[in-house]
Amino acid sequence: MPSEFIKRQSNDFYRDITSLGSLWIYCTILLLFLLQKDYFIFKKLLAGLVLIQAIAIAIRTFYFKERPSRYPHKSYIERIDASSFPSLHSARIAFLSMVFIKHFNNIFLTILITILAIVVAYSRIELKKHDLKDVLGGVVVGFVVYIVVNALF
């Protein structure tokens, strides 16, 4: 049985790594591409974000699923946030991963990015924010949005 120290370190690791799929990190990456004047990737990332958020909000509006650790909710926005399916972190990291893998076109970065994406997706389960179905649903949303965005750009 792991010690309390190991449990805390593990929890800290998953809490920190899950941030890579957060809206704030995504927007920071978006801003960095804008500041670098890489408008092509910026437009792809922006379109991807808008589509991912819109799809998730639509699904969560009509299909509410409690999170493993429940969130209280009184308003529509809180209800959308409290809904578990699909995992937005998983959708965003799946989409970002695909964009970065194609953009950088480097086998070592592909391996690193893929591992990070898997760990971020798993972190959502470990932190009891989602179950496997939520995470897989998010990954599917991310991949579908990637295909749509690539068709548009």
C-alpha atoms as a PDB file:
ATOM      1  CA  MET A   1       0.000   0.000   0.000  1.00  0.00           C
ATOM      2  CA  PRO A   2       1.502   3.370  -0.997  1.00  0.00           C
ATOM      3  CA  SER A   3       2.500   5.806   1.701  1.00  0.00           C
ATOM      4  CA  GLU A   4       0.669   9.102   2.217  1.00  0.00           C
ATOM      5  CA  PHE A   5       3.659  10.871   0.671  1.00  0.00           C
ATOM      6  CA  ILE A   6       3.391   8.785  -2.515  1.00  0.00           C
ATOM      7  CA  LYS A   7      -0.371   9.378  -2.659  1.00  0.00           C
ATOM      8  CA  ARG A   8       0.100  13.148  -2.327  1.00  0.00           C
ATOM      9  CA  GLN A   9       2.839  13.214  -4.956  1.00  0.00           C
ATOM     10  CA  SER A  10       0.718  11.141  -7.316  1.00  0.00           C
ATOM     11  CA  ASN A  11      -2.280  13.419  -6.798  1.00  0.00           C
ATOM     12  CA  ASP A  12      -0.102  16.505  -7.350  1.00  0.00           C
ATOM     13  CA  PHE A  13       1.296  14.987 -10.559  1.00  0.00           C
ATOM     14  CA  TYR A  14      -2.148  14.246 -12.005  1.00  0.00           C
ATOM     15  CA  ARG A  15      -3.510  17.617 -10.872  1.00  0.00           C
ATOM     16  CA  ASP A  16      -0.625  19.398 -12.609  1.00  0.00           C
ATOM     17  CA  ILE A  17      -0.563  17.300 -15.786  1.00  0.00           C
ATOM     18  CA  THR A  18      -4.330  17.622 -16.269  1.00  0.00           C
ATOM     19  CA  SER A  19      -3.794  21.373 -16.708  1.00  0.00           C
ATOM     20  CA  LEU A  20      -2.330  20.687 -20.146  1.00  0.00           C
ATOM     21  CA  GLY A  21      -5.893  20.034 -21.296  1.00  0.00           C
ATOM     22  CA  SER A  22      -7.357  23.092 -19.600  1.00  0.00           C
ATOM     23  CA  LEU A  23      -9.014  26.009 -21.353  1.00  0.00           C
ATOM     24  CA  TRP A  24      -6.415  28.386 -19.882  1.00  0.00           C
ATOM     25  CA  ILE A  25      -3.419  26.474 -21.239  1.00  0.00           C
ATOM     26  CA  TYR A  26      -5.170  26.095 -24.598  1.00  0.00           C
ATOM     27  CA  CYS A  27      -5.800  29.860 -24.764  1.00  0.00           C
ATOM     28  CA  THR A  28      -2.180  30.535 -23.794  1.00  0.00           C
ATOM     29  CA  ILE A  29      -0.988  28.308 -26.649  1.00  0.00           C
ATOM     30  CA  LEU A  30      -3.439  30.075 -28.961  1.00  0.00           C
ATOM     31  CA  LEU A  31      -2.027  33.447 -27.912  1.00  0.00           C
ATOM     32  CA  LEU A  32       1.560  32.263 -28.443  1.00  0.00           C
ATOM     33  CA  PHE A  33       0.821  31.290 -32.048  1.00  0.00           C
ATOM     34  CA  LEU A  34      -0.892  34.644 -32.587  1.00  0.00           C
ATOM     35  CA  LEU A  35       2.108  36.518 -31.155  1.00  0.00           C
ATOM     36  CA  GLN A  36       4.407  34.464 -33.399  1.00  0.00           C
ATOM     37  CA  LYS A  37       2.226  35.583 -36.323  1.00  0.00           C
ATOM     38  CA  ASP A  38       1.581  31.957 -37.258  1.00  0.00           C
ATOM     39  CA  TYR A  39      -1.937  32.790 -38.375  1.00  0.00           C
ATOM     40  CA  PHE A  40      -2.512  29.447 -40.071  1.00  0.00           C
ATOM     41  CA  ILE A  41      -2.076  27.438 -36.853  1.00  0.00           C
ATOM     42  CA  PHE A  42      -3.806  30.178 -34.856  1.00  0.00           C
ATOM     43  CA  LYS A  43      -6.912  29.893 -37.063  1.00  0.00           C
ATOM     44  CA  LYS A  44      -6.874  26.099 -36.810  1.00  0.00           C
ATOM     45  CA  LEU A  45      -6.574  26.208 -33.029  1.00  0.00           C
ATOM     46  CA  LEU A  46      -9.273  28.870 -32.688  1.00  0.00           C
ATOM     47  CA  ALA A  47     -11.681  27.002 -34.971  1.00  0.00           C
ATOM     48  CA  GLY A  48     -10.958  23.795 -33.075  1.00  0.00           C
ATOM     49  CA  LEU A  49     -11.620  25.424 -29.718  1.00  0.00           C
ATOM     50  CA  VAL A  50     -14.906  26.959 -30.863  1.00  0.00           C
ATOM     51  CA  LEU A  51     -16.116  23.659 -32.338  1.00  0.00           C
ATOM     52  CA  ILE A  52     -15.055  21.580 -29.322  1.00  0.00           C
ATOM     53  CA  GLN A  53     -16.764  23.937 -26.886  1.00  0.00           C
ATOM     54  CA  ALA A  54     -19.920  24.164 -29.033  1.00  0.00           C
ATOM     55  CA  ILE A  55     -20.201  20.388 -29.423  1.00  0.00           C
ATOM     56  CA  ALA A  56     -19.639  19.771 -25.711  1.00  0.00           C
ATOM     57  CA  ILE A  57     -22.161  22.438 -24.696  1.00  0.00           C
ATOM     58  CA  ALA A  58     -24.743  20.990 -27.097  1.00  0.00           C
ATOM     59  CA  ILE A  59     -24.213  17.459 -25.787  1.00  0.00           C
ATOM     60  CA  ARG A  60     -24.203  18.565 -22.149  1.00  0.00           C
ATOM     61  CA  THR A  61     -27.372  20.626 -22.673  1.00  0.00           C
ATOM     62  CA  PHE A  62     -29.370  17.620 -23.829  1.00  0.00           C
ATOM     63  CA  TYR A  63     -27.512  14.821 -22.047  1.00  0.00           C
ATOM     64  CA  PHE A  64     -26.563  15.509 -18.444  1.00  0.00           C
ATOM     65  CA  LYS A  65     -24.258  12.986 -16.789  1.00  0.00           C
ATOM     66  CA  GLU A  66     -23.048  13.405 -13.213  1.00  0.00           C
ATOM     67  CA  ARG A  67     -19.319  13.448 -12.600  1.00  0.00           C
ATOM     68  CA  PRO A  68     -17.795  10.732 -10.403  1.00  0.00           C
ATOM     69  CA  SER A  69     -17.278  13.480  -7.809  1.00  0.00           C
ATOM     70  CA  ARG A  70     -20.474  15.505  -8.092  1.00  0.00           C
ATOM     71  CA  TYR A  71     -20.476  19.255  -8.702  1.00  0.00           C
ATOM     72  CA  PRO A  72     -23.333  21.298  -7.243  1.00  0.00           C
ATOM     73  CA  HIS A  73     -25.241  23.268  -9.866  1.00  0.00           C
ATOM     74  CA  LYS A  74     -28.062  25.792  -9.736  1.00  0.00           C
ATOM     75  CA  SER A  75     -27.735  27.666 -13.027  1.00  0.00           C
ATOM     76  CA  TYR A  76     -27.516  26.553 -16.664  1.00  0.00           C
ATOM     77  CA  ILE A  77     -23.789  27.393 -16.826  1.00  0.00           C
ATOM     78  CA  GLU A  78     -23.096  25.499 -13.604  1.00  0.00           C
ATOM     79  CA  ARG A  79     -25.086  22.544 -14.961  1.00  0.00           C
ATOM     80  CA  ILE A  80     -23.026  22.502 -18.168  1.00  0.00           C
ATOM     81  CA  ASP A  81     -19.833  22.614 -16.085  1.00  0.00           C
ATOM     82  CA  ALA A  82     -21.121  19.893 -13.750  1.00  0.00           C
ATOM     83  CA  SER A  83     -21.895  17.526 -16.615  1.00  0.00           C
ATOM     84  CA  SER A  84     -19.280  14.892 -17.228  1.00  0.00           C
ATOM     85  CA  PHE A  85     -19.758  13.841 -20.854  1.00  0.00           C
ATOM     86  CA  PRO A  86     -17.744  14.465 -22.945  1.00  0.00           C
ATOM     87  CA  SER A  87     -14.479  15.353 -21.224  1.00  0.00           C
ATOM     88  CA  LEU A  88     -13.443  18.769 -22.519  1.00  0.00           C
ATOM     89  CA  HIS A  89      -9.866  18.333 -21.277  1.00  0.00           C
ATOM     90  CA  SER A  90      -9.613  15.111 -23.292  1.00  0.00           C
ATOM     91  CA  ALA A  91     -11.168  16.719 -26.374  1.00  0.00           C
ATOM     92  CA  ARG A  92      -8.832  19.715 -26.234  1.00  0.00           C
ATOM     93  CA  ILE A  93      -5.671  17.662 -25.640  1.00  0.00           C
ATOM     94  CA  ALA A  94      -6.605  15.190 -28.407  1.00  0.00           C
ATOM     95  CA  PHE A  95      -7.169  18.051 -30.855  1.00  0.00           C
ATOM     96  CA  LEU A  96      -4.005  19.913 -29.805  1.00  0.00           C
ATOM     97  CA  SER A  97      -1.983  16.719 -30.074  1.00  0.00           C
ATOM     98  CA  MET A  98      -3.113  16.058 -33.620  1.00  0.00           C
ATOM     99  CA  VAL A  99      -2.426  19.653 -34.684  1.00  0.00           C
ATOM    100  CA  PHE A 100       1.037  19.609 -33.087  1.00  0.00           C
ATOM    101  CA  ILE A 101       1.946  16.181 -34.478  1.00  0.00           C
ATOM    102  CA  LYS A 102       1.141  17.357 -38.002  1.00  0.00           C
ATOM    103  CA  HIS A 103       2.691  20.807 -37.513  1.00  0.00           C
ATOM    104  CA  PHE A 104       6.024  19.666 -36.075  1.00  0.00           C
ATOM    105  CA  ASN A 105       6.254  16.414 -38.076  1.00  0.00           C
ATOM    106  CA  ASN A 106       8.932  14.897 -35.816  1.00  0.00           C
ATOM    107  CA  ILE A 107       8.863  11.296 -34.590  1.00  0.00           C
ATOM    108  CA  PHE A 108      10.293  12.114 -31.155  1.00  0.00           C
ATOM    109  CA  LEU A 109       7.798  14.934 -30.610  1.00  0.00           C
ATOM    110  CA  THR A 110       5.029  12.667 -31.873  1.00  0.00           C
ATOM    111  CA  ILE A 111       5.910  10.072 -29.230  1.00  0.00           C
ATOM    112  CA  LEU A 112       6.194  12.709 -26.479  1.00  0.00           C
ATOM    113  CA  ILE A 113       2.955  14.447 -27.462  1.00  0.00           C
ATOM    114  CA  THR A 114       1.095  11.133 -27.672  1.00  0.00           C
ATOM    115  CA  ILE A 115       2.313  10.049 -24.231  1.00  0.00           C
ATOM    116  CA  LEU A 116       1.365  13.432 -22.745  1.00  0.00           C
ATOM    117  CA  ALA A 117      -2.098  13.270 -24.311  1.00  0.00           C
ATOM    118  CA  ILE A 118      -2.693   9.779 -22.912  1.00  0.00           C
ATOM    119  CA  VAL A 119      -1.514  10.827 -19.444  1.00  0.00           C
ATOM    120  CA  VAL A 120      -3.699  13.964 -19.505  1.00  0.00           C
ATOM    121  CA  ALA A 121      -6.723  11.892 -20.530  1.00  0.00           C
ATOM    122  CA  TYR A 122      -5.979   9.316 -17.820  1.00  0.00           C
ATOM    123  CA  SER A 123      -5.534  12.079 -15.239  1.00  0.00           C
ATOM    124  CA  ARG A 124      -9.201  12.998 -15.659  1.00  0.00           C
ATOM    125  CA  ILE A 125     -10.169   9.507 -14.482  1.00  0.00           C
ATOM    126  CA  GLU A 126      -7.562   9.411 -11.722  1.00  0.00           C
ATOM    127  CA  LEU A 127      -8.767  12.773 -10.361  1.00  0.00           C
ATOM    128  CA  LYS A 128     -12.370  11.479 -10.408  1.00  0.00           C
ATOM    129  CA  LYS A 129     -13.532  14.173 -12.804  1.00  0.00           C
ATOM    130  CA  HIS A 130     -14.614  11.636 -15.456  1.00  0.00           C
ATOM    131  CA  ASP A 131     -14.979   7.964 -16.163  1.00  0.00           C
ATOM    132  CA  LEU A 132     -13.543   6.091 -19.151  1.00  0.00           C
ATOM    133  CA  LYS A 133     -16.624   6.752 -21.339  1.00  0.00           C
ATOM    134  CA  ASP A 134     -16.350  10.512 -20.738  1.00  0.00           C
ATOM    135  CA  VAL A 135     -12.666  10.522 -21.630  1.00  0.00           C
ATOM    136  CA  LEU A 136     -13.129   8.381 -24.740  1.00  0.00           C
ATOM    137  CA  GLY A 137     -16.054  10.593 -25.778  1.00  0.00           C
ATOM    138  CA  GLY A 138     -13.819  13.637 -25.418  1.00  0.00           C
ATOM    139  CA  VAL A 139     -11.053  12.034 -27.459  1.00  0.00           C
ATOM    140  CA  VAL A 140     -13.553  11.203 -30.218  1.00  0.00           C
ATOM    141  CA  VAL A 141     -14.817  14.809 -30.209  1.00  0.00           C
ATOM    142  CA  GLY A 142     -11.215  16.063 -30.438  1.00  0.00           C
ATOM    143  CA  PHE A 143     -10.401  13.758 -33.368  1.00  0.00           C
ATOM    144  CA  VAL A 144     -13.614  14.550 -35.255  1.00  0.00           C
ATOM    145  CA  VAL A 145     -13.026  18.280 -34.809  1.00  0.00           C
ATOM    146  CA  TYR A 146      -9.449  17.812 -36.049  1.00  0.00           C
ATOM    147  CA  ILE A 147     -10.753  16.137 -39.221  1.00  0.00           C
ATOM    148  CA  VAL A 148     -13.317  18.921 -39.770  1.00  0.00           C
ATOM    149  CA  VAL A 149     -10.798  21.717 -39.132  1.00  0.00           C
ATOM    150  CA  ASN A 150      -8.261  20.098 -41.468  1.00  0.00           C
ATOM    151  CA  ALA A 151     -10.929  19.902 -44.170  1.00  0.00           C
ATOM    152  CA  LEU A 152     -11.644  23.626 -43.685  1.00  0.00           C
ATOM    153  CA  PHE A 153      -8.001  24.752 -43.622  1.00  0.00           C
END
